[in-house]
Amino acid sequence: MNRKSKLGMVGAALLAAMLVAPHAGAQNAIERKGGSCPTGYNQSGNYCNPGSGAKPAIHRIGGSCPTGYNQSGDYCVGSSSSAKHAMHRSGGSCPSGYSQSGSYCVKN
């Protein structure tokens, strides 16, 4: 295979990856916890699907939400669409690259 063919294949692979990769900032559906879905999400069976411009959301554990998130019913919703990734803390410490925020780990 000549150099020009190899470059063409690499370019095609990069284009395919860009088309398949999820949109940055796109939110995922979350499991519904009973009542209403969080602000910006629509109920679909046992799930809450993000609407256009939805902010990240996570199930609320007990009291307060992690840094950068506000309470919305049984959920914590990012204060902006670019809120840092948050997850429930399991066990003692957070994984590398995350800091503890109450019962949560928030990406640095």
N, C-alpha and C. Protein backbone atom coordinates (compact mmCIF):
# COMPACT_ATOMS: atom_id res chain seq x y z
N MET A 1 0.85 -1.17 0.00
CA MET A 1 0.00 0.00 0.00
C MET A 1 0.90 1.23 0.00
N ASN A 2 0.59 2.19 -0.85
CA ASN A 2 1.44 3.38 -0.91
C ASN A 2 1.04 4.40 0.15
N ARG A 3 1.90 5.40 0.31
CA ARG A 3 1.72 6.41 1.36
C ARG A 3 0.41 7.17 1.20
N LYS A 4 0.05 7.51 -0.01
CA LYS A 4 -1.19 8.27 -0.26
C LYS A 4 -2.41 7.46 0.18
N SER A 5 -2.41 6.16 -0.09
CA SER A 5 -3.52 5.30 0.32
C SER A 5 -3.62 5.23 1.83
N LYS A 6 -2.46 5.11 2.50
CA LYS A 6 -2.46 5.05 3.96
C LYS A 6 -3.01 6.34 4.57
N LEU A 7 -2.60 7.48 4.03
CA LEU A 7 -3.10 8.76 4.53
C LEU A 7 -4.61 8.89 4.32
N GLY A 8 -5.08 8.40 3.20
CA GLY A 8 -6.52 8.43 2.93
C GLY A 8 -7.29 7.57 3.91
N MET A 9 -6.75 6.41 4.26
CA MET A 9 -7.41 5.53 5.22
C MET A 9 -7.42 6.14 6.61
N VAL A 10 -6.33 6.80 7.00
CA VAL A 10 -6.26 7.45 8.31
C VAL A 10 -7.28 8.59 8.37
N GLY A 11 -7.35 9.37 7.31
CA GLY A 11 -8.32 10.47 7.26
C GLY A 11 -9.75 9.96 7.35
N ALA A 12 -10.04 8.88 6.66
CA ALA A 12 -11.39 8.31 6.70
C ALA A 12 -11.71 7.79 8.10
N ALA A 13 -10.73 7.17 8.76
CA ALA A 13 -10.95 6.66 10.12
C ALA A 13 -11.21 7.80 11.10
N LEU A 14 -10.45 8.89 10.97
CA LEU A 14 -10.66 10.05 11.85
C LEU A 14 -12.04 10.66 11.64
N LEU A 15 -12.47 10.79 10.41
CA LEU A 15 -13.79 11.33 10.11
C LEU A 15 -14.88 10.45 10.69
N ALA A 16 -14.74 9.15 10.55
CA ALA A 16 -15.73 8.22 11.10
C ALA A 16 -15.79 8.34 12.61
N ALA A 17 -14.64 8.46 13.28
CA ALA A 17 -14.62 8.59 14.74
C ALA A 17 -15.32 9.88 15.18
N MET A 18 -15.12 10.96 14.44
CA MET A 18 -15.77 12.23 14.80
C MET A 18 -17.28 12.14 14.64
N LEU A 19 -17.73 11.41 13.64
CA LEU A 19 -19.16 11.30 13.40
C LEU A 19 -19.84 10.40 14.42
N VAL A 20 -19.14 9.39 14.90
CA VAL A 20 -19.71 8.43 15.83
C VAL A 20 -19.59 8.91 17.27
N ALA A 21 -18.56 9.69 17.59
CA ALA A 21 -18.34 10.14 18.97
C ALA A 21 -19.51 10.98 19.44
N PRO A 22 -19.90 10.83 20.72
CA PRO A 22 -21.00 11.63 21.24
C PRO A 22 -20.63 13.09 21.30
N HIS A 23 -21.62 13.94 21.17
CA HIS A 23 -21.45 15.38 21.24
C HIS A 23 -20.95 15.76 22.62
N ALA A 24 -19.92 16.58 22.70
CA ALA A 24 -19.42 17.02 23.99
C ALA A 24 -20.53 17.76 24.73
N GLY A 25 -20.69 17.44 25.99
CA GLY A 25 -21.71 18.09 26.79
C GLY A 25 -23.07 17.42 26.70
N ALA A 26 -23.22 16.43 25.83
CA ALA A 26 -24.49 15.73 25.72
C ALA A 26 -24.73 14.94 27.00
N GLN A 27 -25.95 14.95 27.49
CA GLN A 27 -26.29 14.26 28.73
C GLN A 27 -26.92 12.91 28.42
N ASN A 28 -26.85 12.01 29.38
CA ASN A 28 -27.40 10.67 29.23
C ASN A 28 -28.71 10.55 30.00
N ALA A 29 -29.53 9.58 29.60
CA ALA A 29 -30.74 9.27 30.34
C ALA A 29 -30.33 8.73 31.70
N ILE A 30 -31.16 8.98 32.72
CA ILE A 30 -30.91 8.46 34.06
C ILE A 30 -32.15 7.72 34.53
N GLU A 31 -31.96 6.76 35.40
CA GLU A 31 -33.09 6.00 35.94
C GLU A 31 -33.95 6.92 36.80
N ARG A 32 -35.27 6.80 36.65
CA ARG A 32 -36.20 7.63 37.41
C ARG A 32 -36.36 7.05 38.80
N LYS A 33 -36.36 7.91 39.82
CA LYS A 33 -36.43 7.46 41.21
C LYS A 33 -37.84 7.57 41.78
N GLY A 34 -38.84 7.43 41.02
CA GLY A 34 -40.19 7.61 41.56
C GLY A 34 -40.79 8.89 41.03
N GLY A 35 -41.00 9.88 41.84
CA GLY A 35 -41.62 11.15 41.46
C GLY A 35 -41.23 11.70 40.10
N SER A 36 -41.08 12.98 40.05
CA SER A 36 -40.79 13.68 38.80
C SER A 36 -39.32 13.58 38.42
N CYS A 37 -39.07 13.76 37.14
CA CYS A 37 -37.70 13.83 36.64
C CYS A 37 -37.10 15.19 37.01
N PRO A 38 -35.78 15.28 37.02
CA PRO A 38 -35.16 16.57 37.34
C PRO A 38 -35.44 17.61 36.26
N THR A 39 -35.24 18.84 36.60
CA THR A 39 -35.42 19.95 35.67
C THR A 39 -34.63 19.70 34.39
N GLY A 40 -35.28 19.86 33.24
CA GLY A 40 -34.63 19.67 31.94
C GLY A 40 -34.73 18.26 31.39
N TYR A 41 -35.33 17.34 32.16
CA TYR A 41 -35.46 15.95 31.74
C TYR A 41 -36.94 15.58 31.59
N ASN A 42 -37.24 14.67 30.68
CA ASN A 42 -38.61 14.23 30.42
C ASN A 42 -38.75 12.75 30.75
N GLN A 43 -39.85 12.38 31.39
CA GLN A 43 -40.09 10.99 31.75
C GLN A 43 -40.36 10.13 30.52
N SER A 44 -39.74 8.96 30.50
CA SER A 44 -39.96 7.96 29.46
C SER A 44 -39.90 6.61 30.15
N GLY A 45 -41.05 6.12 30.57
CA GLY A 45 -41.09 4.87 31.32
C GLY A 45 -40.39 5.03 32.66
N ASN A 46 -39.42 4.18 32.92
CA ASN A 46 -38.67 4.24 34.18
C ASN A 46 -37.41 5.09 34.07
N TYR A 47 -37.33 5.92 33.03
CA TYR A 47 -36.14 6.73 32.81
C TYR A 47 -36.50 8.20 32.64
N CYS A 48 -35.50 9.03 32.82
CA CYS A 48 -35.61 10.47 32.56
C CYS A 48 -34.65 10.78 31.42
N ASN A 49 -35.19 11.21 30.30
CA ASN A 49 -34.37 11.53 29.13
C ASN A 49 -34.08 13.03 29.12
N PRO A 50 -32.84 13.40 28.83
CA PRO A 50 -32.50 14.81 28.81
C PRO A 50 -33.16 15.53 27.64
N GLY A 51 -33.67 16.72 27.91
CA GLY A 51 -34.21 17.57 26.86
C GLY A 51 -33.09 18.39 26.26
N SER A 52 -33.42 19.20 25.30
CA SER A 52 -32.44 20.06 24.66
C SER A 52 -31.83 21.01 25.70
N GLY A 53 -30.51 21.03 25.78
CA GLY A 53 -29.82 21.91 26.72
C GLY A 53 -29.85 21.44 28.16
N ALA A 54 -30.23 20.17 28.41
CA ALA A 54 -30.28 19.65 29.78
C ALA A 54 -28.89 19.68 30.41
N LYS A 55 -28.87 19.92 31.69
CA LYS A 55 -27.63 19.94 32.45
C LYS A 55 -27.41 18.54 33.04
N PRO A 56 -26.16 18.20 33.39
CA PRO A 56 -25.92 16.87 33.96
C PRO A 56 -26.72 16.68 35.25
N ALA A 57 -27.16 15.45 35.50
CA ALA A 57 -27.94 15.15 36.70
C ALA A 57 -27.48 13.82 37.28
N ILE A 58 -27.65 13.70 38.60
CA ILE A 58 -27.28 12.50 39.33
C ILE A 58 -28.30 12.33 40.45
N HIS A 59 -28.57 11.09 40.87
CA HIS A 59 -29.48 10.86 41.98
C HIS A 59 -28.91 11.50 43.25
N ARG A 60 -29.76 12.14 44.02
CA ARG A 60 -29.34 12.78 45.27
C ARG A 60 -29.28 11.74 46.37
N ILE A 61 -28.22 11.79 47.16
CA ILE A 61 -28.06 10.90 48.31
C ILE A 61 -28.23 11.75 49.57
N GLY A 62 -29.26 11.46 50.32
CA GLY A 62 -29.44 12.15 51.61
C GLY A 62 -29.53 13.65 51.48
N GLY A 63 -28.66 14.35 52.17
CA GLY A 63 -28.72 15.81 52.29
C GLY A 63 -28.38 16.60 51.06
N SER A 64 -27.18 17.13 51.03
CA SER A 64 -26.83 18.11 50.02
C SER A 64 -26.25 17.49 48.75
N CYS A 65 -26.21 18.30 47.72
CA CYS A 65 -25.66 17.90 46.42
C CYS A 65 -24.16 18.21 46.39
N PRO A 66 -23.43 17.59 45.45
CA PRO A 66 -22.00 17.89 45.35
C PRO A 66 -21.76 19.32 44.86
N THR A 67 -20.55 19.78 45.06
CA THR A 67 -20.14 21.10 44.59
C THR A 67 -20.45 21.24 43.10
N GLY A 68 -21.08 22.36 42.72
CA GLY A 68 -21.41 22.62 41.32
C GLY A 68 -22.76 22.08 40.90
N TYR A 69 -23.53 21.50 41.84
CA TYR A 69 -24.84 20.93 41.56
C TYR A 69 -25.88 21.51 42.51
N ASN A 70 -27.12 21.62 42.05
CA ASN A 70 -28.24 22.12 42.85
C ASN A 70 -29.32 21.05 42.94
N GLN A 71 -30.04 21.04 44.05
CA GLN A 71 -31.10 20.05 44.25
C GLN A 71 -32.29 20.33 43.34
N SER A 72 -32.84 19.26 42.75
CA SER A 72 -34.06 19.31 41.97
C SER A 72 -34.82 18.02 42.29
N GLY A 73 -35.67 18.09 43.32
CA GLY A 73 -36.39 16.90 43.79
C GLY A 73 -35.42 15.88 44.34
N ASP A 74 -35.48 14.65 43.84
CA ASP A 74 -34.60 13.57 44.30
C ASP A 74 -33.28 13.54 43.53
N TYR A 75 -32.96 14.62 42.82
CA TYR A 75 -31.79 14.65 41.96
C TYR A 75 -30.92 15.86 42.28
N CYS A 76 -29.70 15.81 41.82
CA CYS A 76 -28.78 16.94 41.84
C CYS A 76 -28.50 17.27 40.38
N VAL A 77 -28.72 18.53 40.01
CA VAL A 77 -28.56 18.96 38.62
C VAL A 77 -27.43 19.99 38.56
N GLY A 78 -26.54 19.83 37.59
CA GLY A 78 -25.41 20.74 37.43
C GLY A 78 -25.88 22.18 37.34
N SER A 79 -25.11 23.08 37.94
CA SER A 79 -25.47 24.50 37.89
C SER A 79 -25.24 25.08 36.50
N SER A 80 -24.51 24.35 35.64
CA SER A 80 -24.34 24.76 34.24
C SER A 80 -24.23 23.49 33.40
N SER A 81 -24.36 23.64 32.09
CA SER A 81 -24.28 22.47 31.21
C SER A 81 -22.86 21.91 31.17
N SER A 82 -21.89 22.68 31.65
CA SER A 82 -20.51 22.20 31.66
C SER A 82 -20.06 21.83 33.08
N ALA A 83 -21.02 21.51 33.96
CA ALA A 83 -20.68 21.10 35.33
C ALA A 83 -19.76 19.88 35.28
N LYS A 84 -18.83 19.82 36.19
CA LYS A 84 -17.89 18.69 36.23
C LYS A 84 -18.63 17.39 36.55
N HIS A 85 -18.12 16.30 36.01
CA HIS A 85 -18.72 14.98 36.23
C HIS A 85 -18.74 14.67 37.72
N ALA A 86 -19.86 14.18 38.22
CA ALA A 86 -19.98 13.77 39.61
C ALA A 86 -20.53 12.35 39.66
N MET A 87 -20.14 11.61 40.70
CA MET A 87 -20.64 10.26 40.90
C MET A 87 -20.74 9.99 42.39
N HIS A 88 -21.53 8.99 42.74
CA HIS A 88 -21.67 8.61 44.14
C HIS A 88 -20.36 8.02 44.63
N ARG A 89 -19.97 8.42 45.83
CA ARG A 89 -18.73 7.90 46.42
C ARG A 89 -19.01 6.52 47.00
N SER A 90 -18.17 5.59 46.68
CA SER A 90 -18.31 4.22 47.16
C SER A 90 -17.10 3.89 48.02
N GLY A 91 -17.33 3.63 49.29
CA GLY A 91 -16.21 3.31 50.17
C GLY A 91 -15.52 4.56 50.67
N GLY A 92 -14.22 4.44 50.94
CA GLY A 92 -13.47 5.51 51.57
C GLY A 92 -13.16 6.71 50.71
N SER A 93 -12.28 6.56 49.75
CA SER A 93 -11.81 7.72 49.01
C SER A 93 -12.29 7.69 47.56
N CYS A 94 -12.12 8.82 46.92
CA CYS A 94 -12.50 8.94 45.51
C CYS A 94 -11.36 8.44 44.62
N PRO A 95 -11.69 8.06 43.39
CA PRO A 95 -10.63 7.60 42.47
C PRO A 95 -9.71 8.75 42.08
N SER A 96 -8.59 8.41 41.53
CA SER A 96 -7.63 9.40 41.06
C SER A 96 -8.31 10.35 40.07
N GLY A 97 -8.06 11.63 40.23
CA GLY A 97 -8.65 12.63 39.34
C GLY A 97 -9.97 13.19 39.83
N TYR A 98 -10.44 12.72 40.99
CA TYR A 98 -11.70 13.17 41.59
C TYR A 98 -11.44 13.64 43.02
N SER A 99 -12.24 14.59 43.48
CA SER A 99 -12.18 15.07 44.85
C SER A 99 -13.49 14.78 45.55
N GLN A 100 -13.41 14.53 46.85
CA GLN A 100 -14.62 14.25 47.63
C GLN A 100 -15.42 15.52 47.86
N SER A 101 -16.75 15.39 47.70
CA SER A 101 -17.70 16.46 47.99
C SER A 101 -18.89 15.81 48.67
N GLY A 102 -18.84 15.70 49.99
CA GLY A 102 -19.89 14.99 50.72
C GLY A 102 -19.91 13.53 50.34
N SER A 103 -21.07 13.03 49.92
CA SER A 103 -21.24 11.63 49.54
C SER A 103 -20.90 11.39 48.08
N TYR A 104 -20.25 12.35 47.45
CA TYR A 104 -19.98 12.29 46.01
C TYR A 104 -18.48 12.45 45.73
N CYS A 105 -18.10 12.10 44.52
CA CYS A 105 -16.77 12.38 43.98
C CYS A 105 -16.97 13.26 42.76
N VAL A 106 -16.25 14.37 42.70
CA VAL A 106 -16.38 15.33 41.60
C VAL A 106 -15.03 15.41 40.87
N LYS A 107 -15.10 15.33 39.55
CA LYS A 107 -13.88 15.38 38.73
C LYS A 107 -13.14 16.69 38.97
N ASN A 108 -11.81 16.57 39.09
CA ASN A 108 -10.98 17.79 39.30
C ASN A 108 -10.94 18.65 38.06
